[in-house]
Amino acid sequence: MLCYRRVSHWWNAETILDKNKRKKLAYKIVVQLALDLSRGLSYLHSKKIVHRDVKSEIMFLDGNRNLKIVDFGVAHVEVMNPSDMTSETGTLEYMAPKVLDGKHYNRTCDVYSFGIFLWEIYCCDMPFCQAIRYF
């Protein structure tokens, strides 16, 4: 079971997506964001939690430039029965192919989304933009 908590002090903050649209992030910041997110996902996965919706829209920087993940609305505890995790959950542009195909998935779907996040913050664009328009 996951515990949900309101994080109202982040509601007016700027997301990583907003920052990146306004101005290309410096390489040093991109590397720091990648490290922060990888540590955060590693922690979640060590607790057998799959986020299932990793994207720049839910990432914020605190006053010390630490990355914060704020939306756990579709997070799920990884289960022994893989058939419990087959629903298409998340945001299309960040979804792993396994999820789109309706196949059983696990924390590797977060790793795929992490890769899309890295592409987005480094290139200021989404990969597969043309293909996604046809879905």
N, C-alpha and C. Protein backbone atom coordinates (compact mmCIF):
# COMPACT_ATOMS: atom_id res chain seq x y z
N MET A 1 0.85 -1.18 0.00
CA MET A 1 0.00 0.00 0.00
C MET A 1 0.89 1.24 0.00
N LEU A 2 0.52 2.22 -0.79
CA LEU A 2 1.26 3.47 -0.84
C LEU A 2 0.56 4.52 0.00
N CYS A 3 1.35 5.39 0.57
CA CYS A 3 0.80 6.48 1.37
C CYS A 3 0.86 7.75 0.53
N TYR A 4 -0.26 8.41 0.34
CA TYR A 4 -0.31 9.63 -0.47
C TYR A 4 -0.28 10.85 0.44
N ARG A 5 0.46 11.85 0.01
CA ARG A 5 0.60 13.06 0.79
C ARG A 5 0.53 14.26 -0.13
N ARG A 6 -0.17 15.28 0.29
CA ARG A 6 -0.25 16.49 -0.51
C ARG A 6 1.05 17.27 -0.39
N VAL A 7 1.50 17.78 -1.49
CA VAL A 7 2.71 18.58 -1.52
C VAL A 7 2.36 19.96 -2.08
N SER A 8 1.55 20.67 -1.35
CA SER A 8 0.98 21.91 -1.87
C SER A 8 2.02 23.00 -2.12
N HIS A 9 3.16 22.96 -1.42
CA HIS A 9 4.16 24.01 -1.67
C HIS A 9 4.81 23.88 -3.04
N TRP A 10 4.58 22.79 -3.75
CA TRP A 10 5.12 22.63 -5.11
C TRP A 10 4.14 23.09 -6.18
N TRP A 11 2.91 23.34 -5.82
CA TRP A 11 1.89 23.64 -6.83
C TRP A 11 2.23 24.83 -7.70
N ASN A 12 2.88 25.83 -7.17
CA ASN A 12 3.21 27.03 -7.95
C ASN A 12 4.64 27.02 -8.47
N ALA A 13 5.37 25.95 -8.22
CA ALA A 13 6.76 25.86 -8.67
C ALA A 13 6.81 25.53 -10.16
N GLU A 14 7.97 25.79 -10.75
CA GLU A 14 8.17 25.52 -12.17
C GLU A 14 8.68 24.09 -12.36
N THR A 15 8.09 23.37 -13.28
CA THR A 15 8.52 21.99 -13.54
C THR A 15 9.78 22.00 -14.39
N ILE A 16 10.43 20.84 -14.47
CA ILE A 16 11.59 20.69 -15.35
C ILE A 16 11.16 20.94 -16.79
N LEU A 17 9.98 20.48 -17.16
CA LEU A 17 9.45 20.72 -18.50
C LEU A 17 9.36 22.22 -18.79
N ASP A 18 8.81 22.98 -17.85
CA ASP A 18 8.70 24.44 -18.03
C ASP A 18 10.06 25.10 -18.17
N LYS A 19 10.99 24.70 -17.30
CA LYS A 19 12.34 25.28 -17.34
C LYS A 19 13.01 25.00 -18.69
N ASN A 20 12.84 23.79 -19.17
CA ASN A 20 13.49 23.38 -20.42
C ASN A 20 12.87 24.06 -21.63
N LYS A 21 11.58 24.35 -21.57
CA LYS A 21 10.93 25.07 -22.68
C LYS A 21 11.38 26.52 -22.73
N ARG A 22 11.59 27.09 -21.55
CA ARG A 22 11.98 28.49 -21.46
C ARG A 22 13.42 28.70 -21.93
N LYS A 23 14.30 27.80 -21.51
CA LYS A 23 15.72 27.93 -21.85
C LYS A 23 16.38 26.55 -21.75
N LYS A 24 17.20 26.23 -22.75
CA LYS A 24 17.89 24.93 -22.74
C LYS A 24 18.71 24.80 -21.46
N LEU A 25 18.57 23.67 -20.81
CA LEU A 25 19.30 23.44 -19.56
C LEU A 25 20.78 23.23 -19.84
N ALA A 26 21.62 23.76 -18.97
CA ALA A 26 23.06 23.57 -19.09
C ALA A 26 23.39 22.09 -18.91
N TYR A 27 24.45 21.65 -19.58
CA TYR A 27 24.86 20.25 -19.52
C TYR A 27 25.05 19.78 -18.08
N LYS A 28 25.67 20.62 -17.26
CA LYS A 28 25.92 20.27 -15.86
C LYS A 28 24.60 20.00 -15.12
N ILE A 29 23.58 20.79 -15.40
CA ILE A 29 22.27 20.60 -14.77
C ILE A 29 21.61 19.32 -15.28
N VAL A 30 21.74 19.05 -16.57
CA VAL A 30 21.19 17.81 -17.15
C VAL A 30 21.80 16.60 -16.45
N VAL A 31 23.11 16.61 -16.27
CA VAL A 31 23.79 15.49 -15.61
C VAL A 31 23.30 15.36 -14.17
N GLN A 32 23.16 16.48 -13.46
CA GLN A 32 22.69 16.43 -12.08
C GLN A 32 21.26 15.90 -11.99
N LEU A 33 20.41 16.33 -12.91
CA LEU A 33 19.04 15.83 -12.94
C LEU A 33 19.01 14.33 -13.20
N ALA A 34 19.85 13.88 -14.12
CA ALA A 34 19.92 12.45 -14.44
C ALA A 34 20.35 11.65 -13.20
N LEU A 35 21.35 12.15 -12.49
CA LEU A 35 21.81 11.47 -11.28
C LEU A 35 20.73 11.45 -10.21
N ASP A 36 20.09 12.60 -10.00
CA ASP A 36 19.03 12.68 -8.99
C ASP A 36 17.88 11.72 -9.30
N LEU A 37 17.43 11.73 -10.56
CA LEU A 37 16.31 10.86 -10.92
C LEU A 37 16.71 9.39 -10.83
N SER A 38 17.92 9.06 -11.25
CA SER A 38 18.35 7.66 -11.17
C SER A 38 18.42 7.20 -9.71
N ARG A 39 18.87 8.07 -8.82
CA ARG A 39 18.89 7.73 -7.39
C ARG A 39 17.47 7.56 -6.84
N GLY A 40 16.59 8.47 -7.24
CA GLY A 40 15.20 8.38 -6.78
C GLY A 40 14.52 7.11 -7.24
N LEU A 41 14.69 6.79 -8.52
CA LEU A 41 14.09 5.56 -9.05
C LEU A 41 14.72 4.33 -8.43
N SER A 42 16.02 4.38 -8.20
CA SER A 42 16.70 3.25 -7.56
C SER A 42 16.12 3.00 -6.17
N TYR A 43 15.88 4.09 -5.44
CA TYR A 43 15.28 3.95 -4.11
C TYR A 43 13.87 3.34 -4.20
N LEU A 44 13.04 3.89 -5.09
CA LEU A 44 11.68 3.35 -5.25
C LEU A 44 11.72 1.88 -5.62
N HIS A 45 12.58 1.54 -6.57
CA HIS A 45 12.66 0.15 -7.02
C HIS A 45 13.18 -0.77 -5.93
N SER A 46 14.06 -0.26 -5.05
CA SER A 46 14.54 -1.09 -3.94
C SER A 46 13.40 -1.42 -2.97
N LYS A 47 12.37 -0.58 -2.97
CA LYS A 47 11.18 -0.82 -2.14
C LYS A 47 10.07 -1.51 -2.94
N LYS A 48 10.43 -1.94 -4.16
CA LYS A 48 9.51 -2.64 -5.08
C LYS A 48 8.34 -1.76 -5.52
N ILE A 49 8.58 -0.46 -5.61
CA ILE A 49 7.57 0.47 -6.09
C ILE A 49 7.88 0.84 -7.54
N VAL A 50 6.89 0.71 -8.40
CA VAL A 50 7.02 1.10 -9.80
C VAL A 50 6.23 2.40 -9.96
N HIS A 51 6.88 3.45 -10.41
CA HIS A 51 6.22 4.75 -10.52
C HIS A 51 5.17 4.75 -11.62
N ARG A 52 5.51 4.26 -12.79
CA ARG A 52 4.64 4.08 -13.96
C ARG A 52 4.25 5.37 -14.69
N ASP A 53 4.78 6.52 -14.28
CA ASP A 53 4.48 7.75 -15.02
C ASP A 53 5.62 8.76 -14.87
N VAL A 54 6.84 8.31 -15.09
CA VAL A 54 8.01 9.19 -14.99
C VAL A 54 7.99 10.14 -16.18
N LYS A 55 7.99 11.44 -15.91
CA LYS A 55 7.98 12.46 -16.97
C LYS A 55 8.41 13.80 -16.39
N SER A 56 8.84 14.70 -17.26
CA SER A 56 9.36 15.99 -16.81
C SER A 56 8.30 16.88 -16.19
N GLU A 57 7.04 16.63 -16.49
CA GLU A 57 5.95 17.44 -15.94
C GLU A 57 5.76 17.28 -14.44
N ILE A 58 6.30 16.21 -13.87
CA ILE A 58 6.12 15.97 -12.44
C ILE A 58 7.43 16.09 -11.67
N MET A 59 8.43 16.67 -12.30
CA MET A 59 9.73 16.86 -11.67
C MET A 59 9.92 18.34 -11.34
N PHE A 60 10.33 18.59 -10.12
CA PHE A 60 10.59 19.96 -9.67
C PHE A 60 11.98 20.03 -9.05
N LEU A 61 12.55 21.22 -9.02
CA LEU A 61 13.81 21.45 -8.32
C LEU A 61 13.51 22.19 -7.03
N ASP A 62 14.10 21.73 -5.93
CA ASP A 62 13.93 22.47 -4.69
C ASP A 62 14.94 23.62 -4.64
N GLY A 63 15.00 24.34 -3.54
CA GLY A 63 15.89 25.48 -3.41
C GLY A 63 17.36 25.14 -3.53
N ASN A 64 17.71 23.88 -3.30
CA ASN A 64 19.11 23.42 -3.41
C ASN A 64 19.38 22.71 -4.73
N ARG A 65 18.48 22.86 -5.67
CA ARG A 65 18.57 22.23 -6.99
C ARG A 65 18.52 20.71 -6.94
N ASN A 66 17.84 20.17 -5.95
CA ASN A 66 17.61 18.73 -5.88
C ASN A 66 16.31 18.41 -6.57
N LEU A 67 16.31 17.35 -7.35
CA LEU A 67 15.12 16.94 -8.09
C LEU A 67 14.10 16.32 -7.14
N LYS A 68 12.85 16.68 -7.32
CA LYS A 68 11.76 16.12 -6.53
C LYS A 68 10.71 15.54 -7.48
N ILE A 69 10.29 14.32 -7.19
CA ILE A 69 9.23 13.66 -7.95
C ILE A 69 7.97 13.81 -7.10
N VAL A 70 6.92 14.40 -7.67
CA VAL A 70 5.78 14.72 -6.81
C VAL A 70 4.49 13.96 -7.10
N ASP A 71 4.39 13.23 -8.16
CA ASP A 71 3.11 12.59 -8.50
C ASP A 71 3.24 11.07 -8.46
N PHE A 72 2.62 10.46 -7.46
CA PHE A 72 2.65 9.01 -7.33
C PHE A 72 1.26 8.41 -7.50
N GLY A 73 0.41 9.13 -8.22
CA GLY A 73 -0.99 8.73 -8.38
C GLY A 73 -1.19 7.37 -9.02
N VAL A 74 -0.31 6.96 -9.93
CA VAL A 74 -0.47 5.65 -10.57
C VAL A 74 0.64 4.68 -10.18
N ALA A 75 1.43 5.06 -9.18
CA ALA A 75 2.50 4.18 -8.71
C ALA A 75 1.87 2.89 -8.18
N HIS A 76 2.65 1.82 -8.25
CA HIS A 76 2.13 0.51 -7.89
C HIS A 76 3.25 -0.30 -7.26
N VAL A 77 2.91 -1.09 -6.26
CA VAL A 77 3.89 -1.99 -5.67
C VAL A 77 4.03 -3.16 -6.63
N GLU A 78 5.30 -3.45 -6.99
CA GLU A 78 5.55 -4.56 -7.90
C GLU A 78 5.11 -5.85 -7.21
N VAL A 79 4.39 -6.65 -7.93
CA VAL A 79 3.79 -7.84 -7.33
C VAL A 79 4.40 -9.11 -7.90
N MET A 80 4.16 -10.19 -7.19
CA MET A 80 4.66 -11.48 -7.65
C MET A 80 3.89 -11.95 -8.87
N ASN A 81 2.62 -11.60 -8.97
CA ASN A 81 1.80 -12.02 -10.10
C ASN A 81 1.87 -10.95 -11.19
N PRO A 82 2.63 -11.20 -12.26
CA PRO A 82 2.81 -10.19 -13.29
C PRO A 82 1.53 -9.78 -14.00
N SER A 83 0.49 -10.59 -13.95
CA SER A 83 -0.75 -10.22 -14.64
C SER A 83 -1.43 -9.03 -13.97
N ASP A 84 -0.99 -8.69 -12.75
CA ASP A 84 -1.56 -7.52 -12.07
C ASP A 84 -1.05 -6.21 -12.64
N MET A 85 0.00 -6.26 -13.46
CA MET A 85 0.55 -5.03 -14.05
C MET A 85 0.57 -5.17 -15.56
N THR A 86 -0.59 -5.00 -16.16
CA THR A 86 -0.68 -5.06 -17.62
C THR A 86 -1.43 -3.87 -18.21
N SER A 87 -2.03 -3.04 -17.38
CA SER A 87 -2.84 -1.93 -17.91
C SER A 87 -1.95 -0.84 -18.50
N GLU A 88 -2.49 -0.16 -19.52
CA GLU A 88 -1.78 0.98 -20.10
C GLU A 88 -1.91 2.14 -19.14
N THR A 89 -0.86 2.37 -18.38
CA THR A 89 -0.87 3.42 -17.37
C THR A 89 0.32 4.33 -17.61
N GLY A 90 0.09 5.63 -17.53
CA GLY A 90 1.17 6.58 -17.71
C GLY A 90 0.85 7.56 -18.82
N THR A 91 1.89 8.19 -19.31
CA THR A 91 1.76 9.19 -20.37
C THR A 91 2.34 8.62 -21.66
N LEU A 92 1.58 8.66 -22.72
CA LEU A 92 1.91 8.00 -23.98
C LEU A 92 3.35 8.24 -24.42
N GLU A 93 3.80 9.48 -24.43
CA GLU A 93 5.15 9.79 -24.94
C GLU A 93 6.26 9.12 -24.14
N TYR A 94 5.99 8.73 -22.92
CA TYR A 94 7.00 8.14 -22.05
C TYR A 94 6.80 6.64 -21.83
N MET A 95 5.75 6.07 -22.39
CA MET A 95 5.42 4.66 -22.14
C MET A 95 6.36 3.71 -22.84
N ALA A 96 6.77 2.69 -22.11
CA ALA A 96 7.60 1.64 -22.68
C ALA A 96 6.77 0.81 -23.66
N PRO A 97 7.40 0.26 -24.69
CA PRO A 97 6.67 -0.57 -25.65
C PRO A 97 5.88 -1.71 -25.00
N LYS A 98 6.44 -2.31 -23.94
CA LYS A 98 5.73 -3.39 -23.24
C LYS A 98 4.37 -2.92 -22.73
N VAL A 99 4.35 -1.70 -22.19
CA VAL A 99 3.11 -1.16 -21.64
C VAL A 99 2.11 -0.91 -22.76
N LEU A 100 2.59 -0.33 -23.86
CA LEU A 100 1.71 -0.05 -25.00
C LEU A 100 1.13 -1.33 -25.61
N ASP A 101 1.92 -2.40 -25.56
CA ASP A 101 1.47 -3.68 -26.12
C ASP A 101 0.56 -4.45 -25.17
N GLY A 102 0.35 -3.93 -23.97
CA GLY A 102 -0.49 -4.62 -22.99
C GLY A 102 0.16 -5.84 -22.39
N LYS A 103 1.50 -5.93 -22.50
CA LYS A 103 2.23 -7.07 -21.94
C LYS A 103 2.51 -6.82 -20.46
N HIS A 104 2.90 -7.90 -19.78
CA HIS A 104 3.29 -7.78 -18.37
C HIS A 104 4.54 -6.90 -18.29
N TYR A 105 4.55 -6.02 -17.33
CA TYR A 105 5.73 -5.17 -17.16
C TYR A 105 6.07 -5.02 -15.69
N ASN A 106 7.22 -4.44 -15.44
CA ASN A 106 7.70 -4.25 -14.08
C ASN A 106 8.45 -2.92 -14.02
N ARG A 107 9.40 -2.82 -13.12
CA ARG A 107 10.12 -1.55 -12.94
C ARG A 107 10.92 -1.14 -14.17
N THR A 108 11.14 -2.05 -15.11
CA THR A 108 11.88 -1.66 -16.32
C THR A 108 11.12 -0.62 -17.14
N CYS A 109 9.80 -0.53 -16.95
CA CYS A 109 9.06 0.52 -17.66
C CYS A 109 9.49 1.90 -17.16
N ASP A 110 9.87 2.02 -15.89
CA ASP A 110 10.39 3.28 -15.35
C ASP A 110 11.75 3.60 -15.96
N VAL A 111 12.56 2.58 -16.18
CA VAL A 111 13.89 2.78 -16.77
C VAL A 111 13.74 3.30 -18.20
N TYR A 112 12.79 2.77 -18.94
CA TYR A 112 12.52 3.26 -20.29
C TYR A 112 12.09 4.73 -20.24
N SER A 113 11.17 5.06 -19.35
CA SER A 113 10.71 6.44 -19.22
C SER A 113 11.84 7.37 -18.79
N PHE A 114 12.74 6.86 -17.97
CA PHE A 114 13.93 7.62 -17.57
C PHE A 114 14.76 7.99 -18.80
N GLY A 115 14.92 7.05 -19.71
CA GLY A 115 15.66 7.31 -20.95
C GLY A 115 14.98 8.38 -21.80
N ILE A 116 13.67 8.34 -21.88
CA ILE A 116 12.92 9.37 -22.62
C ILE A 116 13.11 10.73 -21.95
N PHE A 117 13.04 10.75 -20.62
CA PHE A 117 13.27 11.98 -19.85
C PHE A 117 14.64 12.56 -20.16
N LEU A 118 15.67 11.71 -20.18
CA LEU A 118 17.03 12.18 -20.48
C LEU A 118 17.11 12.78 -21.88
N TRP A 119 16.52 12.11 -22.85
CA TRP A 119 16.50 12.62 -24.22
C TRP A 119 15.85 14.01 -24.24
N GLU A 120 14.71 14.10 -23.58
CA GLU A 120 13.94 15.34 -23.58
C GLU A 120 14.72 16.50 -22.97
N ILE A 121 15.35 16.28 -21.81
CA ILE A 121 16.02 17.41 -21.16
C ILE A 121 17.34 17.76 -21.83
N TYR A 122 17.94 16.81 -22.54
CA TYR A 122 19.19 17.11 -23.24
C TYR A 122 18.92 17.71 -24.62
N CYS A 123 17.96 17.17 -25.34
CA CYS A 123 17.70 17.61 -26.73
C CYS A 123 16.60 18.67 -26.84
N CYS A 124 15.90 18.93 -25.75
CA CYS A 124 14.76 19.89 -25.75
C CYS A 124 13.68 19.46 -26.73
N ASP A 125 13.50 18.18 -26.87
CA ASP A 125 12.50 17.64 -27.79
C ASP A 125 12.19 16.21 -27.35
N MET A 126 11.10 15.69 -27.85
CA MET A 126 10.73 14.32 -27.54
C MET A 126 11.14 13.41 -28.70
N PRO A 127 11.68 12.23 -28.38
CA PRO A 127 11.93 11.28 -29.47
C PRO A 127 10.60 10.71 -29.95
N PHE A 128 10.58 10.20 -31.13
CA PHE A 128 9.40 9.54 -31.70
C PHE A 128 8.19 10.46 -31.85
N CYS A 129 8.40 11.77 -31.94
CA CYS A 129 7.27 12.72 -32.06
C CYS A 129 6.35 12.36 -33.22
N GLN A 130 6.93 12.03 -34.36
CA GLN A 130 6.11 11.72 -35.54
C GLN A 130 5.29 10.46 -35.33
N ALA A 131 5.89 9.44 -34.74
CA ALA A 131 5.19 8.17 -34.54
C ALA A 131 4.04 8.31 -33.56
N ILE A 132 4.21 9.12 -32.54
CA ILE A 132 3.18 9.27 -31.50
C ILE A 132 1.92 9.92 -32.07
N ARG A 133 2.06 10.76 -33.06
CA ARG A 133 0.89 11.43 -33.65
C ARG A 133 -0.10 10.44 -34.25
N TYR A 134 0.37 9.25 -34.62
CA TYR A 134 -0.49 8.26 -35.26
C TYR A 134 -1.24 7.38 -34.27
N PHE A 135 -0.97 7.51 -32.98
CA PHE A 135 -1.66 6.68 -31.97
C PHE A 135 -3.03 7.22 -31.68
